[in-house]
């Protein structure tokens, strides 16, 4: 998604893609946008954990924050 914003001080912020990467330009300086989500999505171990969590949610295996805090205090986790 490309955009252009004008800051209150008149500085223009532009976004653009170059070499399959996303950048923004502020006051003539180029900054690469880094998205750690892409790296996390590429990690097979994390992907497996997310899929297991989604399966648990679908099966109704949900815990409240209070339940988890109490389990930690008891040493169950």
N, C-alpha and C. Protein backbone atom coordinates (compact mmCIF):
# COMPACT_ATOMS: atom_id res chain seq x y z
N UNK A 1 0.85 -1.17 0.00
CA UNK A 1 0.00 0.00 0.00
C UNK A 1 0.89 1.23 0.00
N UNK A 2 0.72 2.06 -0.95
CA UNK A 2 1.48 3.30 -1.03
C UNK A 2 0.64 4.44 -0.48
N UNK A 3 1.29 5.35 0.23
CA UNK A 3 0.58 6.49 0.77
C UNK A 3 1.51 7.69 0.83
N UNK A 4 0.91 8.84 1.01
CA UNK A 4 1.65 10.08 1.17
C UNK A 4 0.94 10.89 2.25
N UNK A 5 1.69 11.30 3.28
CA UNK A 5 1.14 12.08 4.38
C UNK A 5 1.91 13.38 4.52
N UNK A 6 1.21 14.39 4.97
CA UNK A 6 1.88 15.66 5.24
C UNK A 6 1.80 15.92 6.75
N UNK A 7 2.94 15.97 7.40
CA UNK A 7 3.01 16.21 8.84
C UNK A 7 2.68 17.67 9.14
N UNK A 8 2.31 17.97 10.40
CA UNK A 8 1.97 19.35 10.76
C UNK A 8 3.07 20.37 10.45
N UNK A 9 4.32 19.91 10.47
CA UNK A 9 5.42 20.84 10.16
C UNK A 9 5.68 20.98 8.67
N UNK A 10 4.85 20.32 7.86
CA UNK A 10 5.00 20.42 6.41
C UNK A 10 5.82 19.30 5.80
N UNK A 11 6.43 18.48 6.63
CA UNK A 11 7.22 17.35 6.13
C UNK A 11 6.30 16.36 5.44
N UNK A 12 6.71 15.91 4.27
CA UNK A 12 5.92 14.94 3.52
C UNK A 12 6.53 13.55 3.75
N UNK A 13 5.66 12.61 4.09
CA UNK A 13 6.07 11.22 4.31
C UNK A 13 5.45 10.40 3.18
N UNK A 14 6.27 9.74 2.40
CA UNK A 14 5.79 8.93 1.28
C UNK A 14 6.19 7.48 1.49
N UNK A 15 5.33 6.57 1.11
CA UNK A 15 5.69 5.16 1.13
C UNK A 15 5.75 4.64 -0.30
N UNK A 16 6.56 3.62 -0.51
CA UNK A 16 6.70 3.04 -1.84
C UNK A 16 7.39 1.69 -1.74
N UNK A 17 7.33 0.94 -2.82
CA UNK A 17 7.99 -0.37 -2.90
C UNK A 17 9.18 -0.28 -3.85
N UNK A 18 10.24 -0.97 -3.48
CA UNK A 18 11.44 -1.03 -4.31
C UNK A 18 12.12 -2.35 -4.03
N UNK A 19 12.45 -3.08 -5.07
CA UNK A 19 13.13 -4.38 -4.92
C UNK A 19 12.37 -5.32 -3.98
N UNK A 20 11.06 -5.35 -4.12
CA UNK A 20 10.18 -6.22 -3.33
C UNK A 20 10.22 -5.91 -1.83
N UNK A 21 10.58 -4.70 -1.48
CA UNK A 21 10.60 -4.26 -0.07
C UNK A 21 9.83 -2.96 0.03
N UNK A 22 9.36 -2.68 1.24
CA UNK A 22 8.57 -1.47 1.45
C UNK A 22 9.44 -0.41 2.14
N UNK A 23 9.31 0.82 1.68
CA UNK A 23 10.09 1.94 2.22
C UNK A 23 9.19 3.13 2.48
N UNK A 24 9.68 4.03 3.34
CA UNK A 24 9.08 5.35 3.47
C UNK A 24 10.19 6.37 3.28
N UNK A 25 9.80 7.54 2.80
CA UNK A 25 10.75 8.63 2.62
C UNK A 25 10.26 9.80 3.46
N UNK A 26 11.13 10.27 4.35
CA UNK A 26 10.82 11.42 5.20
C UNK A 26 11.94 12.43 5.02
N UNK A 27 11.56 13.62 4.62
CA UNK A 27 12.51 14.71 4.43
C UNK A 27 13.69 14.27 3.55
N UNK A 28 13.39 13.49 2.52
CA UNK A 28 14.41 13.08 1.57
C UNK A 28 15.23 11.86 1.99
N UNK A 29 15.02 11.36 3.22
CA UNK A 29 15.75 10.19 3.68
C UNK A 29 14.88 8.94 3.54
N UNK A 30 15.50 7.86 3.09
CA UNK A 30 14.79 6.61 2.84
C UNK A 30 14.95 5.66 4.03
N UNK A 31 13.82 5.07 4.46
CA UNK A 31 13.82 4.11 5.57
C UNK A 31 13.09 2.86 5.12
N UNK A 32 13.71 1.69 5.35
CA UNK A 32 13.04 0.45 5.01
C UNK A 32 12.08 0.09 6.13
N UNK A 33 10.88 -0.34 5.75
CA UNK A 33 9.89 -0.79 6.72
C UNK A 33 10.19 -2.26 7.01
N UNK A 34 10.37 -2.56 8.27
CA UNK A 34 10.66 -3.93 8.68
C UNK A 34 9.43 -4.50 9.36
N UNK A 35 8.98 -5.65 8.90
CA UNK A 35 7.82 -6.31 9.49
C UNK A 35 8.24 -7.67 10.03
N UNK A 36 8.41 -7.78 11.35
CA UNK A 36 8.83 -9.07 11.91
C UNK A 36 7.77 -10.15 11.75
N UNK A 37 6.54 -9.77 11.45
CA UNK A 37 5.47 -10.75 11.29
C UNK A 37 5.81 -11.70 10.14
N UNK A 38 6.38 -11.17 9.08
CA UNK A 38 6.74 -12.02 7.94
C UNK A 38 7.76 -13.08 8.36
N UNK A 39 8.72 -12.71 9.17
CA UNK A 39 9.71 -13.68 9.63
C UNK A 39 9.08 -14.71 10.55
N UNK A 40 8.17 -14.26 11.41
CA UNK A 40 7.49 -15.20 12.31
C UNK A 40 6.63 -16.17 11.52
N UNK A 41 5.93 -15.68 10.52
CA UNK A 41 5.08 -16.55 9.70
C UNK A 41 5.91 -17.59 8.95
N UNK A 42 7.15 -17.30 8.66
CA UNK A 42 8.01 -18.22 7.92
C UNK A 42 8.64 -19.28 8.82
N UNK A 43 8.57 -19.09 10.15
CA UNK A 43 9.18 -20.03 11.09
C UNK A 43 8.26 -21.23 11.29
N UNK A 44 8.67 -22.45 10.89
CA UNK A 44 7.80 -23.62 10.99
C UNK A 44 7.36 -23.93 12.43
N UNK A 45 8.23 -23.71 13.39
CA UNK A 45 7.89 -24.00 14.78
C UNK A 45 6.78 -23.04 15.28
N UNK A 46 6.92 -21.79 14.95
CA UNK A 46 5.90 -20.81 15.35
C UNK A 46 4.60 -21.07 14.61
N UNK A 47 4.70 -21.42 13.33
CA UNK A 47 3.50 -21.72 12.55
C UNK A 47 2.76 -22.90 13.18
N UNK A 48 3.49 -23.91 13.61
CA UNK A 48 2.88 -25.08 14.26
C UNK A 48 2.20 -24.69 15.57
N UNK A 49 2.83 -23.81 16.34
CA UNK A 49 2.24 -23.35 17.59
C UNK A 49 0.94 -22.58 17.34
N UNK A 50 0.94 -21.73 16.31
CA UNK A 50 -0.26 -20.96 15.98
C UNK A 50 -1.38 -21.89 15.55
N UNK A 51 -1.06 -22.87 14.72
CA UNK A 51 -2.08 -23.82 14.26
C UNK A 51 -2.65 -24.61 15.43
N UNK A 52 -1.80 -25.02 16.38
CA UNK A 52 -2.27 -25.76 17.57
C UNK A 52 -3.18 -24.86 18.41
N UNK A 53 -2.82 -23.59 18.54
CA UNK A 53 -3.65 -22.65 19.30
C UNK A 53 -5.01 -22.46 18.63
N UNK A 54 -5.01 -22.33 17.32
CA UNK A 54 -6.27 -22.17 16.59
C UNK A 54 -7.16 -23.39 16.77
N UNK A 55 -6.55 -24.56 16.76
CA UNK A 55 -7.30 -25.81 16.97
C UNK A 55 -7.89 -25.83 18.38
N UNK A 56 -7.10 -25.45 19.37
CA UNK A 56 -7.60 -25.39 20.75
C UNK A 56 -8.79 -24.45 20.87
N UNK A 57 -8.70 -23.30 20.22
CA UNK A 57 -9.80 -22.32 20.27
C UNK A 57 -11.05 -22.91 19.64
N UNK A 58 -10.90 -23.57 18.50
CA UNK A 58 -12.05 -24.19 17.83
C UNK A 58 -12.68 -25.27 18.69
N UNK A 59 -11.87 -25.95 19.51
CA UNK A 59 -12.38 -27.02 20.37
C UNK A 59 -12.86 -26.49 21.72
N UNK A 60 -12.82 -25.18 21.89
CA UNK A 60 -13.31 -24.59 23.13
C UNK A 60 -12.34 -24.67 24.30
N UNK A 61 -11.10 -24.97 24.02
CA UNK A 61 -10.08 -25.04 25.08
C UNK A 61 -9.57 -23.62 25.36
N UNK A 62 -10.35 -22.89 26.14
CA UNK A 62 -10.03 -21.51 26.44
C UNK A 62 -9.85 -21.34 27.95
N UNK A 63 -8.96 -20.45 28.34
CA UNK A 63 -8.70 -20.17 29.75
C UNK A 63 -8.74 -18.66 29.96
N UNK A 64 -9.34 -18.25 31.05
CA UNK A 64 -9.34 -16.82 31.36
C UNK A 64 -7.98 -16.43 31.92
N UNK A 65 -7.71 -15.16 31.91
CA UNK A 65 -6.45 -14.66 32.47
C UNK A 65 -6.35 -15.03 33.94
N UNK A 66 -7.45 -14.88 34.66
CA UNK A 66 -7.45 -15.23 36.10
C UNK A 66 -7.12 -16.70 36.31
N UNK A 67 -7.69 -17.59 35.48
CA UNK A 67 -7.39 -19.02 35.59
C UNK A 67 -5.91 -19.29 35.35
N UNK A 68 -5.33 -18.63 34.35
CA UNK A 68 -3.92 -18.83 34.05
C UNK A 68 -3.03 -18.30 35.17
N UNK A 69 -3.37 -17.15 35.72
CA UNK A 69 -2.58 -16.58 36.82
C UNK A 69 -2.61 -17.53 38.01
N UNK A 70 -3.77 -18.06 38.33
CA UNK A 70 -3.89 -19.00 39.45
C UNK A 70 -3.10 -20.28 39.18
N UNK A 71 -3.13 -20.79 37.95
CA UNK A 71 -2.38 -22.00 37.61
C UNK A 71 -0.88 -21.75 37.75
N UNK A 72 -0.43 -20.57 37.36
CA UNK A 72 0.99 -20.23 37.49
C UNK A 72 1.38 -20.15 38.96
N UNK A 73 0.53 -19.53 39.76
CA UNK A 73 0.81 -19.43 41.20
C UNK A 73 0.90 -20.81 41.85
N UNK A 74 0.06 -21.75 41.38
CA UNK A 74 0.09 -23.11 41.92
C UNK A 74 1.27 -23.92 41.38
N UNK A 75 1.93 -23.40 40.35
CA UNK A 75 3.05 -24.13 39.75
C UNK A 75 2.61 -25.12 38.68
N UNK A 76 1.37 -25.02 38.23
CA UNK A 76 0.87 -25.92 37.21
C UNK A 76 1.41 -25.61 35.82
N UNK A 77 1.96 -24.40 35.61
CA UNK A 77 2.46 -23.98 34.31
C UNK A 77 3.91 -23.67 34.39
